[in-house]
């Protein structure tokens, strides 16, 4: 199910057509997987890496998230960084973690700008 749905480019493109709600669905998927791993220890490191690369570090998806639902981007980055911090993503690539941290900080700046505009 992971490859056929979660990181399947066709599924990602499909949810992206739904804008804000599609980004929310992506964030919910990351939350479900994180929760499943925290309780059942069933998510492998390569799956976390795939999530990071497919959802947050892919330039097209990242642009979509920033435009349609930057809060979903923050949620996903937080979850993946928490997985690495808690040892669920035990052998996380340091470069990937650094990219996620940088993305999280950039996203915080964007959200502060949006909050200030309200």
PDB file of N, CA and C in Angstrom:
ATOM      1  N   UNK A   1       0.806  -1.184   0.000  1.00  0.00           N
ATOM      2  CA  UNK A   1       0.000   0.000   0.000  1.00  0.00           C
ATOM      3  C   UNK A   1       0.864   1.270   0.000  1.00  0.00           C
ATOM      4  N   UNK A   2       2.006   1.219   0.632  1.00  0.00           N
ATOM      5  CA  UNK A   2       2.826   2.419   0.724  1.00  0.00           C
ATOM      6  C   UNK A   2       3.224   2.925  -0.650  1.00  0.00           C
ATOM      7  N   UNK A   3       3.791   2.055  -1.474  1.00  0.00           N
ATOM      8  CA  UNK A   3       4.232   2.494  -2.809  1.00  0.00           C
ATOM      9  C   UNK A   3       3.063   2.728  -3.755  1.00  0.00           C
ATOM     10  N   UNK A   4       2.014   1.922  -3.613  1.00  0.00           N
ATOM     11  CA  UNK A   4       0.899   2.041  -4.555  1.00  0.00           C
ATOM     12  C   UNK A   4       0.005   3.249  -4.268  1.00  0.00           C
ATOM     13  N   UNK A   5       0.041   3.762  -3.038  1.00  0.00           N
ATOM     14  CA  UNK A   5      -0.785   4.920  -2.737  1.00  0.00           C
ATOM     15  C   UNK A   5       0.033   6.084  -2.178  1.00  0.00           C
ATOM     16  N   UNK A   6       0.674   5.882  -1.064  1.00  0.00           N
ATOM     17  CA  UNK A   6       1.263   6.986  -0.306  1.00  0.00           C
ATOM     18  C   UNK A   6       2.268   7.794  -1.120  1.00  0.00           C
ATOM     19  N   UNK A   7       3.198   7.137  -1.778  1.00  0.00           N
ATOM     20  CA  UNK A   7       4.210   7.873  -2.549  1.00  0.00           C
ATOM     21  C   UNK A   7       4.046   7.687  -4.059  1.00  0.00           C
ATOM     22  N   UNK A   8       2.898   7.230  -4.469  1.00  0.00           N
ATOM     23  CA  UNK A   8       2.607   7.057  -5.887  1.00  0.00           C
ATOM     24  C   UNK A   8       2.420   8.443  -6.529  1.00  0.00           C
ATOM     25  N   UNK A   9       3.228   8.773  -7.530  1.00  0.00           N
ATOM     26  CA  UNK A   9       3.108  10.094  -8.169  1.00  0.00           C
ATOM     27  C   UNK A   9       1.698  10.391  -8.688  1.00  0.00           C
ATOM     28  N   UNK A  10       0.970   9.365  -9.136  1.00  0.00           N
ATOM     29  CA  UNK A  10      -0.395   9.591  -9.631  1.00  0.00           C
ATOM     30  C   UNK A  10      -1.322   9.977  -8.477  1.00  0.00           C
ATOM     31  N   UNK A  11      -1.160   9.339  -7.324  1.00  0.00           N
ATOM     32  CA  UNK A  11      -1.978   9.691  -6.163  1.00  0.00           C
ATOM     33  C   UNK A  11      -1.653  11.111  -5.714  1.00  0.00           C
ATOM     34  N   UNK A  12      -0.371  11.438  -5.650  1.00  0.00           N
ATOM     35  CA  UNK A  12       0.043  12.785  -5.241  1.00  0.00           C
ATOM     36  C   UNK A  12      -0.528  13.827  -6.198  1.00  0.00           C
ATOM     37  N   UNK A  13      -0.427  13.582  -7.490  1.00  0.00           N
ATOM     38  CA  UNK A  13      -0.985  14.519  -8.477  1.00  0.00           C
ATOM     39  C   UNK A  13      -2.498  14.636  -8.306  1.00  0.00           C
ATOM     40  N   UNK A  14      -3.151  13.536  -7.995  1.00  0.00           N
ATOM     41  CA  UNK A  14      -4.599  13.546  -7.796  1.00  0.00           C
ATOM     42  C   UNK A  14      -5.017  14.397  -6.608  1.00  0.00           C
ATOM     43  N   UNK A  15      -4.324  14.247  -5.479  1.00  0.00           N
ATOM     44  CA  UNK A  15      -4.706  15.058  -4.321  1.00  0.00           C
ATOM     45  C   UNK A  15      -4.335  16.520  -4.530  1.00  0.00           C
ATOM     46  N   UNK A  16      -3.305  16.781  -5.303  1.00  0.00           N
ATOM     47  CA  UNK A  16      -2.925  18.165  -5.568  1.00  0.00           C
ATOM     48  C   UNK A  16      -4.024  18.908  -6.327  1.00  0.00           C
ATOM     49  N   UNK A  17      -4.827  18.188  -7.086  1.00  0.00           N
ATOM     50  CA  UNK A  17      -5.940  18.832  -7.804  1.00  0.00           C
ATOM     51  C   UNK A  17      -6.997  19.366  -6.831  1.00  0.00           C
ATOM     52  N   UNK A  18      -6.951  18.924  -5.584  1.00  0.00           N
ATOM     53  CA  UNK A  18      -7.945  19.334  -4.594  1.00  0.00           C
ATOM     54  C   UNK A  18      -7.468  20.483  -3.707  1.00  0.00           C
ATOM     55  N   UNK A  19      -6.344  21.100  -4.075  1.00  0.00           N
ATOM     56  CA  UNK A  19      -5.887  22.305  -3.389  1.00  0.00           C
ATOM     57  C   UNK A  19      -5.659  22.107  -1.903  1.00  0.00           C
ATOM     58  N   UNK A  20      -6.241  23.010  -1.116  1.00  0.00           N
ATOM     59  CA  UNK A  20      -6.060  23.016   0.334  1.00  0.00           C
ATOM     60  C   UNK A  20      -6.375  21.646   0.942  1.00  0.00           C
ATOM     61  N   UNK A  21      -7.508  21.077   0.552  1.00  0.00           N
ATOM     62  CA  UNK A  21      -7.946  19.783   1.096  1.00  0.00           C
ATOM     63  C   UNK A  21      -6.979  18.666   0.693  1.00  0.00           C
ATOM     64  N   UNK A  22      -6.441  18.723  -0.506  1.00  0.00           N
ATOM     65  CA  UNK A  22      -5.474  17.721  -0.930  1.00  0.00           C
ATOM     66  C   UNK A  22      -4.206  17.770  -0.099  1.00  0.00           C
ATOM     67  N   UNK A  23      -3.737  18.985   0.191  1.00  0.00           N
ATOM     68  CA  UNK A  23      -2.554  19.131   1.046  1.00  0.00           C
ATOM     69  C   UNK A  23      -2.859  18.620   2.448  1.00  0.00           C
ATOM     70  N   UNK A  24      -4.077  18.891   2.931  1.00  0.00           N
ATOM     71  CA  UNK A  24      -4.491  18.381   4.234  1.00  0.00           C
ATOM     72  C   UNK A  24      -4.460  16.852   4.240  1.00  0.00           C
ATOM     73  N   UNK A  25      -4.920  16.240   3.160  1.00  0.00           N
ATOM     74  CA  UNK A  25      -4.926  14.771   3.054  1.00  0.00           C
ATOM     75  C   UNK A  25      -3.500  14.212   3.095  1.00  0.00           C
ATOM     76  N   UNK A  26      -2.576  14.896   2.458  1.00  0.00           N
ATOM     77  CA  UNK A  26      -1.175  14.466   2.500  1.00  0.00           C
ATOM     78  C   UNK A  26      -0.645  14.536   3.937  1.00  0.00           C
ATOM     79  N   UNK A  27      -0.946  15.626   4.638  1.00  0.00           N
ATOM     80  CA  UNK A  27      -0.496  15.776   6.021  1.00  0.00           C
ATOM     81  C   UNK A  27      -1.127  14.714   6.911  1.00  0.00           C
ATOM     82  N   UNK A  28      -2.391  14.411   6.673  1.00  0.00           N
ATOM     83  CA  UNK A  28      -3.058  13.370   7.455  1.00  0.00           C
ATOM     84  C   UNK A  28      -2.399  12.015   7.222  1.00  0.00           C
ATOM     85  N   UNK A  29      -1.996  11.754   6.000  1.00  0.00           N
ATOM     86  CA  UNK A  29      -1.312  10.493   5.683  1.00  0.00           C
ATOM     87  C   UNK A  29      -0.015  10.377   6.472  1.00  0.00           C
ATOM     88  N   UNK A  30       0.749  11.465   6.529  1.00  0.00           N
ATOM     89  CA  UNK A  30       1.996  11.461   7.308  1.00  0.00           C
ATOM     90  C   UNK A  30       1.682  11.231   8.784  1.00  0.00           C
ATOM     91  N   UNK A  31       0.643  11.885   9.297  1.00  0.00           N
ATOM     92  CA  UNK A  31       0.248  11.687  10.696  1.00  0.00           C
ATOM     93  C   UNK A  31      -0.126  10.232  10.975  1.00  0.00           C
ATOM     94  N   UNK A  32      -0.913   9.635  10.087  1.00  0.00           N
ATOM     95  CA  UNK A  32      -1.334   8.240  10.284  1.00  0.00           C
ATOM     96  C   UNK A  32      -0.129   7.308  10.312  1.00  0.00           C
ATOM     97  N   UNK A  33       0.788   7.508   9.371  1.00  0.00           N
ATOM     98  CA  UNK A  33       1.972   6.649   9.320  1.00  0.00           C
ATOM     99  C   UNK A  33       2.844   6.828  10.559  1.00  0.00           C
ATOM    100  N   UNK A  34       3.007   8.070  10.999  1.00  0.00           N
ATOM    101  CA  UNK A  34       3.777   8.349  12.203  1.00  0.00           C
ATOM    102  C   UNK A  34       3.139   7.653  13.412  1.00  0.00           C
ATOM    103  N   UNK A  35       1.837   7.802  13.557  1.00  0.00           N
ATOM    104  CA  UNK A  35       1.127   7.166  14.664  1.00  0.00           C
ATOM    105  C   UNK A  35       1.223   5.650  14.621  1.00  0.00           C
ATOM    106  N   UNK A  36       1.097   5.108  13.436  1.00  0.00           N
ATOM    107  CA  UNK A  36       1.210   3.665  13.258  1.00  0.00           C
ATOM    108  C   UNK A  36       2.600   3.187  13.668  1.00  0.00           C
ATOM    109  N   UNK A  37       3.618   3.935  13.271  1.00  0.00           N
ATOM    110  CA  UNK A  37       4.983   3.557  13.630  1.00  0.00           C
ATOM    111  C   UNK A  37       5.227   3.720  15.121  1.00  0.00           C
ATOM    112  N   UNK A  38       4.695   4.771  15.718  1.00  0.00           N
ATOM    113  CA  UNK A  38       4.894   5.009  17.147  1.00  0.00           C
ATOM    114  C   UNK A  38       4.270   3.903  17.994  1.00  0.00           C
ATOM    115  N   UNK A  39       3.199   3.294  17.492  1.00  0.00           N
ATOM    116  CA  UNK A  39       2.530   2.249  18.273  1.00  0.00           C
ATOM    117  C   UNK A  39       2.908   0.835  17.848  1.00  0.00           C
ATOM    118  N   UNK A  40       3.100   0.618  16.561  1.00  0.00           N
ATOM    119  CA  UNK A  40       3.349  -0.742  16.066  1.00  0.00           C
ATOM    120  C   UNK A  40       4.760  -0.955  15.523  1.00  0.00           C
ATOM    121  N   UNK A  41       5.538   0.119  15.421  1.00  0.00           N
ATOM    122  CA  UNK A  41       6.908   0.040  14.890  1.00  0.00           C
ATOM    123  C   UNK A  41       6.927  -0.680  13.541  1.00  0.00           C
ATOM    124  N   UNK A  42       6.083  -0.188  12.646  1.00  0.00           N
ATOM    125  CA  UNK A  42       5.895  -0.867  11.367  1.00  0.00           C
ATOM    126  C   UNK A  42       6.369  -0.076  10.156  1.00  0.00           C
ATOM    127  N   UNK A  43       6.926   1.100  10.356  1.00  0.00           N
ATOM    128  CA  UNK A  43       7.371   1.923   9.234  1.00  0.00           C
ATOM    129  C   UNK A  43       8.892   1.867   9.172  1.00  0.00           C
ATOM    130  N   UNK A  44       9.414   1.507   8.018  1.00  0.00           N
ATOM    131  CA  UNK A  44      10.864   1.406   7.837  1.00  0.00           C
ATOM    132  C   UNK A  44      11.462   2.763   7.501  1.00  0.00           C
ATOM    133  N   UNK A  45      12.762   2.873   7.732  1.00  0.00           N
ATOM    134  CA  UNK A  45      13.461   4.127   7.451  1.00  0.00           C
ATOM    135  C   UNK A  45      13.304   4.573   6.004  1.00  0.00           C
ATOM    136  N   UNK A  46      13.352   3.645   5.058  1.00  0.00           N
ATOM    137  CA  UNK A  46      13.230   4.018   3.653  1.00  0.00           C
ATOM    138  C   UNK A  46      11.872   4.664   3.374  1.00  0.00           C
ATOM    139  N   UNK A  47      10.851   4.306   4.166  1.00  0.00           N
ATOM    140  CA  UNK A  47       9.533   4.908   3.974  1.00  0.00           C
ATOM    141  C   UNK A  47       9.541   6.372   4.408  1.00  0.00           C
ATOM    142  N   UNK A  48      10.183   6.660   5.525  1.00  0.00           N
ATOM    143  CA  UNK A  48      10.312   8.059   5.949  1.00  0.00           C
ATOM    144  C   UNK A  48      11.080   8.867   4.905  1.00  0.00           C
ATOM    145  N   UNK A  49      12.148   8.290   4.398  1.00  0.00           N
ATOM    146  CA  UNK A  49      12.930   8.984   3.369  1.00  0.00           C
ATOM    147  C   UNK A  49      12.069   9.234   2.132  1.00  0.00           C
ATOM    148  N   UNK A  50      11.275   8.248   1.736  1.00  0.00           N
ATOM    149  CA  UNK A  50      10.382   8.411   0.580  1.00  0.00           C
ATOM    150  C   UNK A  50       9.353   9.503   0.812  1.00  0.00           C
ATOM    151  N   UNK A  51       8.801   9.555   2.035  1.00  0.00           N
ATOM    152  CA  UNK A  51       7.851  10.618   2.362  1.00  0.00           C
ATOM    153  C   UNK A  51       8.511  11.983   2.240  1.00  0.00           C
ATOM    154  N   UNK A  52       9.694  12.111   2.817  1.00  0.00           N
ATOM    155  CA  UNK A  52      10.409  13.387   2.763  1.00  0.00           C
ATOM    156  C   UNK A  52      10.662  13.800   1.322  1.00  0.00           C
ATOM    157  N   UNK A  53      11.158  12.891   0.522  1.00  0.00           N
ATOM    158  CA  UNK A  53      11.500  13.213  -0.864  1.00  0.00           C
ATOM    159  C   UNK A  53      10.259  13.483  -1.715  1.00  0.00           C
ATOM    160  N   UNK A  54       9.198  12.699  -1.520  1.00  0.00           N
ATOM    161  CA  UNK A  54       8.005  12.819  -2.370  1.00  0.00           C
ATOM    162  C   UNK A  54       7.080  13.960  -1.964  1.00  0.00           C
ATOM    163  N   UNK A  55       6.983  14.238  -0.668  1.00  0.00           N
ATOM    164  CA  UNK A  55       6.016  15.224  -0.193  1.00  0.00           C
ATOM    165  C   UNK A  55       6.638  16.595   0.056  1.00  0.00           C
ATOM    166  N   UNK A  56       7.828  16.637   0.619  1.00  0.00           N
ATOM    167  CA  UNK A  56       8.374  17.920   1.058  1.00  0.00           C
ATOM    168  C   UNK A  56       9.558  18.418   0.257  1.00  0.00           C
ATOM    169  N   UNK A  57      10.355  17.524  -0.256  1.00  0.00           N
ATOM    170  CA  UNK A  57      11.573  17.958  -0.944  1.00  0.00           C
ATOM    171  C   UNK A  57      11.448  17.960  -2.453  1.00  0.00           C
ATOM    172  N   UNK A  58      10.346  17.472  -2.978  1.00  0.00           N
ATOM    173  CA  UNK A  58      10.073  17.573  -4.405  1.00  0.00           C
ATOM    174  C   UNK A  58       9.669  19.026  -4.691  1.00  0.00           C
ATOM    175  N   UNK A  59      10.383  19.719  -5.576  1.00  0.00           N
ATOM    176  CA  UNK A  59      10.105  21.145  -5.796  1.00  0.00           C
ATOM    177  C   UNK A  59       8.664  21.449  -6.203  1.00  0.00           C
ATOM    178  N   UNK A  60       8.076  20.640  -7.052  1.00  0.00           N
ATOM    179  CA  UNK A  60       6.709  20.892  -7.517  1.00  0.00           C
ATOM    180  C   UNK A  60       5.703  20.717  -6.378  1.00  0.00           C
ATOM    181  N   UNK A  61       5.868  19.666  -5.590  1.00  0.00           N
ATOM    182  CA  UNK A  61       4.946  19.424  -4.476  1.00  0.00           C
ATOM    183  C   UNK A  61       5.145  20.495  -3.405  1.00  0.00           C
ATOM    184  N   UNK A  62       6.389  20.853  -3.149  1.00  0.00           N
ATOM    185  CA  UNK A  62       6.689  21.890  -2.164  1.00  0.00           C
ATOM    186  C   UNK A  62       6.037  23.218  -2.564  1.00  0.00           C
ATOM    187  N   UNK A  63       6.121  23.569  -3.827  1.00  0.00           N
ATOM    188  CA  UNK A  63       5.489  24.797  -4.323  1.00  0.00           C
ATOM    189  C   UNK A  63       3.981  24.742  -4.126  1.00  0.00           C
ATOM    190  N   UNK A  64       3.386  23.596  -4.454  1.00  0.00           N
ATOM    191  CA  UNK A  64       1.952  23.398  -4.245  1.00  0.00           C
ATOM    192  C   UNK A  64       1.582  23.601  -2.774  1.00  0.00           C
ATOM    193  N   UNK A  65       2.335  22.960  -1.873  1.00  0.00           N
ATOM    194  CA  UNK A  65       2.035  23.060  -0.447  1.00  0.00           C
ATOM    195  C   UNK A  65       2.155  24.498   0.053  1.00  0.00           C
ATOM    196  N   UNK A  66       3.201  25.183  -0.354  1.00  0.00           N
ATOM    197  CA  UNK A  66       3.380  26.578   0.066  1.00  0.00           C
ATOM    198  C   UNK A  66       2.242  27.464  -0.429  1.00  0.00           C
ATOM    199  N   UNK A  67       1.750  27.179  -1.621  1.00  0.00           N
ATOM    200  CA  UNK A  67       0.690  28.001  -2.211  1.00  0.00           C
ATOM    201  C   UNK A  67      -0.691  27.676  -1.647  1.00  0.00           C
ATOM    202  N   UNK A  68      -0.970  26.396  -1.448  1.00  0.00           N
ATOM    203  CA  UNK A  68      -2.331  25.977  -1.108  1.00  0.00           C
ATOM    204  C   UNK A  68      -2.568  25.740   0.380  1.00  0.00           C
ATOM    205  N   UNK A  69      -1.549  25.248   1.092  1.00  0.00           N
ATOM    206  CA  UNK A  69      -1.749  24.930   2.504  1.00  0.00           C
ATOM    207  C   UNK A  69      -0.391  24.825   3.209  1.00  0.00           C
ATOM    208  N   UNK A  70       0.238  25.977   3.476  1.00  0.00           N
ATOM    209  CA  UNK A  70       1.543  25.936   4.130  1.00  0.00           C
ATOM    210  C   UNK A  70       1.495  25.341   5.538  1.00  0.00           C
ATOM    211  N   UNK A  71       0.317  25.326   6.155  1.00  0.00           N
ATOM    212  CA  UNK A  71       0.178  24.709   7.468  1.00  0.00           C
ATOM    213  C   UNK A  71       0.349  23.197   7.376  1.00  0.00           C
ATOM    214  N   UNK A  72      -0.093  22.609   6.276  1.00  0.00           N
ATOM    215  CA  UNK A  72       0.104  21.170   6.054  1.00  0.00           C
ATOM    216  C   UNK A  72       1.587  20.868   5.877  1.00  0.00           C
ATOM    217  N   UNK A  73       2.282  21.744   5.168  1.00  0.00           N
ATOM    218  CA  UNK A  73       3.726  21.568   4.998  1.00  0.00           C
ATOM    219  C   UNK A  73       4.415  21.582   6.365  1.00  0.00           C
ATOM    220  N   UNK A  74       4.052  22.549   7.213  1.00  0.00           N
ATOM    221  CA  UNK A  74       4.645  22.620   8.551  1.00  0.00           C
ATOM    222  C   UNK A  74       4.366  21.346   9.337  1.00  0.00           C
ATOM    223  N   UNK A  75       3.141  20.879   9.290  1.00  0.00           N
ATOM    224  CA  UNK A  75       2.762  19.672  10.020  1.00  0.00           C
ATOM    225  C   UNK A  75       3.587  18.465   9.581  1.00  0.00           C
ATOM    226  N   UNK A  76       3.748  18.312   8.273  1.00  0.00           N
ATOM    227  CA  UNK A  76       4.517  17.171   7.761  1.00  0.00           C
ATOM    228  C   UNK A  76       5.990  17.276   8.136  1.00  0.00           C
ATOM    229  N   UNK A  77       6.548  18.469   8.020  1.00  0.00           N
ATOM    230  CA  UNK A  77       7.954  18.656   8.386  1.00  0.00           C
ATOM    231  C   UNK A  77       8.156  18.358   9.870  1.00  0.00           C
ATOM    232  N   UNK A  78       7.234  18.848  10.709  1.00  0.00           N
ATOM    233  CA  UNK A  78       7.327  18.578  12.153  1.00  0.00           C
ATOM    234  C   UNK A  78       7.288  17.081  12.439  1.00  0.00           C
ATOM    235  N   UNK A  79       6.373  16.386  11.786  1.00  0.00           N
ATOM    236  CA  UNK A  79       6.238  14.942  12.030  1.00  0.00           C
ATOM    237  C   UNK A  79       7.494  14.181  11.616  1.00  0.00           C
ATOM    238  N   UNK A  80       8.030  14.512  10.461  1.00  0.00           N
ATOM    239  CA  UNK A  80       9.219  13.800   9.998  1.00  0.00           C
ATOM    240  C   UNK A  80      10.426  14.115  10.876  1.00  0.00           C
ATOM    241  N   UNK A  81      10.559  15.353  11.282  1.00  0.00           N
ATOM    242  CA  UNK A  81      11.656  15.708  12.186  1.00  0.00           C
ATOM    243  C   UNK A  81      11.470  15.042  13.552  1.00  0.00           C
ATOM    244  N   UNK A  82      10.240  14.961  14.019  1.00  0.00           N
ATOM    245  CA  UNK A  82       9.972  14.268  15.284  1.00  0.00           C
ATOM    246  C   UNK A  82      10.293  12.783  15.171  1.00  0.00           C
ATOM    247  N   UNK A  83       9.974  12.182  14.039  1.00  0.00           N
ATOM    248  CA  UNK A  83      10.300  10.764  13.834  1.00  0.00           C
ATOM    249  C   UNK A  83      11.804  10.543  13.926  1.00  0.00           C
ATOM    250  N   UNK A  84      12.570  11.462  13.350  1.00  0.00           N
ATOM    251  CA  UNK A  84      14.030  11.349  13.430  1.00  0.00           C
ATOM    252  C   UNK A  84      14.501  11.580  14.861  1.00  0.00           C
ATOM    253  N   UNK A  85      13.946  12.579  15.539  1.00  0.00           N
ATOM    254  CA  UNK A  85      14.354  12.887  16.915  1.00  0.00           C
ATOM    255  C   UNK A  85      14.035  11.738  17.873  1.00  0.00           C
ATOM    256  N   UNK A  86      12.902  11.102  17.667  1.00  0.00           N
ATOM    257  CA  UNK A  86      12.479  10.024  18.570  1.00  0.00           C
ATOM    258  C   UNK A  86      13.090   8.673  18.225  1.00  0.00           C
ATOM    259  N   UNK A  87      13.835   8.616  17.140  1.00  0.00           N
ATOM    260  CA  UNK A  87      14.454   7.358  16.757  1.00  0.00           C
ATOM    261  C   UNK A  87      13.552   6.426  15.982  1.00  0.00           C
ATOM    262  N   UNK A  88      12.362   6.892  15.612  1.00  0.00           N
ATOM    263  CA  UNK A  88      11.497   6.069  14.770  1.00  0.00           C
ATOM    264  C   UNK A  88      12.106   5.964  13.374  1.00  0.00           C
ATOM    265  N   UNK A  89      12.634   7.072  12.921  1.00  0.00           N
ATOM    266  CA  UNK A  89      13.394   7.126  11.661  1.00  0.00           C
ATOM    267  C   UNK A  89      14.847   7.038  12.110  1.00  0.00           C
ATOM    268  N   UNK A  90      15.238   5.826  12.435  1.00  0.00           N
ATOM    269  CA  UNK A  90      16.487   5.590  13.167  1.00  0.00           C
ATOM    270  C   UNK A  90      17.740   5.974  12.390  1.00  0.00           C
ATOM    271  N   UNK A  91      17.740   5.724  11.117  1.00  0.00           N
ATOM    272  CA  UNK A  91      18.948   5.954  10.319  1.00  0.00           C
ATOM    273  C   UNK A  91      18.683   7.031   9.264  1.00  0.00           C
ATOM    274  N   UNK A  92      18.111   8.132   9.720  1.00  0.00           N
ATOM    275  CA  UNK A  92      17.777   9.225   8.797  1.00  0.00           C
ATOM    276  C   UNK A  92      19.048   9.807   8.203  1.00  0.00           C
ATOM    277  N   UNK A  93      19.001  10.082   6.924  1.00  0.00           N
ATOM    278  CA  UNK A  93      20.111  10.731   6.236  1.00  0.00           C
ATOM    279  C   UNK A  93      20.266  12.138   6.809  1.00  0.00           C
ATOM    280  N   UNK A  94      21.434  12.474   7.360  1.00  0.00           N
ATOM    281  CA  UNK A  94      21.626  13.806   7.943  1.00  0.00           C
ATOM    282  C   UNK A  94      21.332  14.940   6.954  1.00  0.00           C
ATOM    283  N   UNK A  95      21.633  14.731   5.689  1.00  0.00           N
ATOM    284  CA  UNK A  95      21.363  15.754   4.680  1.00  0.00           C
ATOM    285  C   UNK A  95      19.848  15.964   4.517  1.00  0.00           C
ATOM    286  N   UNK A  96      19.090  14.880   4.537  1.00  0.00           N
ATOM    287  CA  UNK A  96      17.635  14.998   4.436  1.00  0.00           C
ATOM    288  C   UNK A  96      17.085  15.736   5.647  1.00  0.00           C
ATOM    289  N   UNK A  97      17.567  15.382   6.830  1.00  0.00           N
ATOM    290  CA  UNK A  97      17.113  16.052   8.055  1.00  0.00           C
ATOM    291  C   UNK A  97      17.446  17.542   7.996  1.00  0.00           C
ATOM    292  N   UNK A  98      18.629  17.867   7.521  1.00  0.00           N
ATOM    293  CA  UNK A  98      19.019  19.273   7.397  1.00  0.00           C
ATOM    294  C   UNK A  98      18.106  20.009   6.416  1.00  0.00           C
ATOM    295  N   UNK A  99      17.774  19.365   5.301  1.00  0.00           N
ATOM    296  CA  UNK A  99      16.871  19.980   4.322  1.00  0.00           C
ATOM    297  C   UNK A  99      15.490  20.201   4.942  1.00  0.00           C
ATOM    298  N   UNK A 100      15.017  19.229   5.720  1.00  0.00           N
ATOM    299  CA  UNK A 100      13.714  19.370   6.372  1.00  0.00           C
ATOM    300  C   UNK A 100      13.734  20.497   7.404  1.00  0.00           C
ATOM    301  N   UNK A 101      14.825  20.612   8.153  1.00  0.00           N
ATOM    302  CA  UNK A 101      14.941  21.697   9.125  1.00  0.00           C
ATOM    303  C   UNK A 101      14.928  23.051   8.427  1.00  0.00           C
ATOM    304  N   UNK A 102      15.662  23.159   7.338  1.00  0.00           N
ATOM    305  CA  UNK A 102      15.711  24.406   6.574  1.00  0.00           C
ATOM    306  C   UNK A 102      14.316  24.740   6.014  1.00  0.00           C
ATOM    307  N   UNK A 103      13.650  23.736   5.482  1.00  0.00           N
ATOM    308  CA  UNK A 103      12.306  23.931   4.950  1.00  0.00           C
ATOM    309  C   UNK A 103      11.347  24.367   6.056  1.00  0.00           C
ATOM    310  N   UNK A 104      11.458  23.750   7.209  1.00  0.00           N
ATOM    311  CA  UNK A 104      10.605  24.112   8.342  1.00  0.00           C
ATOM    312  C   UNK A 104      10.800  25.586   8.709  1.00  0.00           C
ATOM    313  N   UNK A 105      12.047  26.031   8.784  1.00  0.00           N
ATOM    314  CA  UNK A 105      12.326  27.424   9.134  1.00  0.00           C
ATOM    315  C   UNK A 105      11.808  28.390   8.061  1.00  0.00           C
ATOM    316  N   UNK A 106      11.971  28.028   6.797  1.00  0.00           N
ATOM    317  CA  UNK A 106      11.439  28.860   5.711  1.00  0.00           C
ATOM    318  C   UNK A 106       9.917  28.941   5.811  1.00  0.00           C
ATOM    319  N   UNK A 107       9.306  27.814   6.119  1.00  0.00           N
ATOM    320  CA  UNK A 107       7.855  27.758   6.244  1.00  0.00           C
ATOM    321  C   UNK A 107       7.375  28.605   7.417  1.00  0.00           C
ATOM    322  N   UNK A 108       8.106  28.584   8.529  1.00  0.00           N
ATOM    323  CA  UNK A 108       7.741  29.409   9.682  1.00  0.00           C
ATOM    324  C   UNK A 108       7.719  30.881   9.300  1.00  0.00           C
ATOM    325  N   UNK A 109       8.704  31.305   8.519  1.00  0.00           N
ATOM    326  CA  UNK A 109       8.745  32.691   8.062  1.00  0.00           C
ATOM    327  C   UNK A 109       7.530  33.013   7.202  1.00  0.00           C
ATOM    328  N   UNK A 110       7.171  32.103   6.312  1.00  0.00           N
ATOM    329  CA  UNK A 110       5.995  32.302   5.461  1.00  0.00           C
ATOM    330  C   UNK A 110       4.734  32.398   6.309  1.00  0.00           C
ATOM    331  N   UNK A 111       4.583  31.516   7.278  1.00  0.00           N
ATOM    332  CA  UNK A 111       3.384  31.528   8.115  1.00  0.00           C
ATOM    333  C   UNK A 111       3.309  32.793   8.969  1.00  0.00           C
ATOM    334  N   UNK A 112       4.441  33.281   9.438  1.00  0.00           N
ATOM    335  CA  UNK A 112       4.450  34.533  10.202  1.00  0.00           C
ATOM    336  C   UNK A 112       3.990  35.685   9.314  1.00  0.00           C
ATOM    337  N   UNK A 113       4.422  35.681   8.061  1.00  0.00           N
ATOM    338  CA  UNK A 113       4.002  36.712   7.118  1.00  0.00           C
ATOM    339  C   UNK A 113       2.501  36.626   6.879  1.00  0.00           C
ATOM    340  N   UNK A 114       1.989  35.405   6.714  1.00  0.00           N
ATOM    341  CA  UNK A 114       0.547  35.230   6.499  1.00  0.00           C
ATOM    342  C   UNK A 114      -0.246  35.633   7.729  1.00  0.00           C
ATOM    343  N   UNK A 115       0.255  35.275   8.906  1.00  0.00           N
ATOM    344  CA  UNK A 115      -0.439  35.665  10.152  1.00  0.00           C
ATOM    345  C   UNK A 115      -0.455  37.173  10.329  1.00  0.00           C
ATOM    346  N   UNK A 116       0.625  37.824   9.929  1.00  0.00           N
ATOM    347  CA  UNK A 116       0.718  39.277  10.030  1.00  0.00           C
ATOM    348  C   UNK A 116      -0.216  39.988   9.064  1.00  0.00           C
ATOM    349  N   UNK A 117      -0.542  39.324   7.960  1.00  0.00           N
ATOM    350  CA  UNK A 117      -1.417  39.917   6.944  1.00  0.00           C
ATOM    351  C   UNK A 117      -2.891  39.830   7.331  1.00  0.00           C
ATOM    352  N   UNK A 118      -3.198  38.998   8.317  1.00  0.00           N
ATOM    353  CA  UNK A 118      -4.610  38.807   8.704  1.00  0.00           C
ATOM    354  C   UNK A 118      -5.154  39.947   9.500  1.00  0.00           C
TER     355      UNK A 118
END
